[in-house]
Protein backbone atom coordinates (compact mmCIF):
# COMPACT_ATOMS: atom_id res chain seq x y z
CA MET A 1 -8.66 -4.08 9.92
CA ASN A 2 -11.06 -1.46 11.20
CA GLY A 3 -14.29 -0.78 9.38
CA SER A 4 -15.02 2.41 7.48
CA ASN A 5 -18.06 4.62 7.27
CA HIS A 6 -17.99 5.43 3.56
CA LEU A 7 -16.14 4.65 0.34
CA ALA A 8 -13.81 7.67 0.50
CA GLU A 9 -12.64 6.60 3.96
CA SER A 10 -12.14 3.04 2.76
CA ASP A 11 -10.24 4.16 -0.34
CA ALA A 12 -7.92 6.30 1.78
CA ARG A 13 -6.64 3.30 3.73
CA PRO A 14 -3.43 1.57 2.64
CA LEU A 15 -3.58 -1.86 1.00
CA TYR A 16 -1.27 -3.35 3.62
CA LEU A 17 -1.99 -4.33 7.22
CA CYS A 18 -0.24 -2.87 10.23
CA SER A 19 2.38 -5.19 11.72
CA VAL A 20 0.10 -6.21 14.62
CA ASP A 21 -2.82 -7.16 12.37
CA LEU A 22 -0.50 -8.92 9.93
CA ARG A 23 0.92 -11.03 12.76
CA LYS A 24 -2.58 -11.88 14.05
CA LEU A 25 -3.65 -12.97 10.57
CA GLN A 26 -0.45 -14.96 10.05
CA HIS A 27 -0.96 -16.74 13.36
CA SER A 28 -4.59 -17.63 12.71
CA VAL A 29 -4.38 -18.52 9.01
CA GLY A 30 -0.72 -19.46 8.57
CA PHE A 31 1.05 -17.94 5.57
CA ASP A 32 4.43 -16.58 4.52
CA PRO A 33 4.44 -12.76 4.90
CA VAL A 34 7.28 -12.34 2.37
CA ALA A 35 5.37 -14.30 -0.27
CA ARG A 36 2.25 -12.25 0.52
CA TYR A 37 4.15 -8.98 0.11
CA ARG A 38 5.61 -10.20 -3.21
CA ARG A 39 2.13 -10.94 -4.54
CA LEU A 40 0.83 -7.59 -3.31
CA LEU A 41 3.79 -5.84 -4.95
CA ALA A 42 3.07 -7.53 -8.28
CA PHE A 43 -0.58 -6.53 -8.01
CA SER A 44 0.29 -2.94 -7.04
CA ARG A 45 2.60 -2.57 -10.01
CA LYS A 46 0.03 -4.02 -12.40
CA ALA A 47 -2.70 -1.76 -10.98
CA ARG A 48 -0.32 1.22 -11.07
CA VAL A 49 -0.73 1.93 -7.39
CA ASP A 50 2.73 3.43 -7.17
CA ASP A 51 2.72 4.63 -3.55
CA GLU A 52 1.71 1.19 -2.32
CA ALA A 53 4.25 -0.50 -4.59
CA GLU A 54 7.05 1.68 -3.20
CA TRP A 55 6.06 0.87 0.39
CA LEU A 56 5.87 -2.85 -0.38
CA GLN A 57 9.26 -2.81 -2.10
CA ARG A 58 10.87 -1.15 0.93
CA ARG A 59 9.16 -3.60 3.28
CA LEU A 60 10.35 -6.58 1.24
CA ARG A 61 13.93 -5.31 1.28
CA HIS A 62 13.72 -4.96 5.05
CA LEU A 63 12.26 -8.45 5.57
CA GLU A 64 14.69 -10.14 3.22
CA ARG A 65 17.65 -8.69 5.18
CA MET A 66 16.37 -10.03 8.51
CA PRO A 67 18.03 -13.19 9.87
CA GLU A 68 15.76 -16.16 10.34
């Protein structure tokens, strides 16, 4: 969630948040991280952002295996 100095720097950042920033956002706004990752995965596939889609797929598998 840090700023960037130019477009190339901004474009080089991943589409996902680090776990700390994700938790802060979840706490303040209130949302389901699994549902958010599913929507991001669908978008990544549609936009053909393959590296991001692979990361999101792995993250979803990890989260879906975790006990509640």
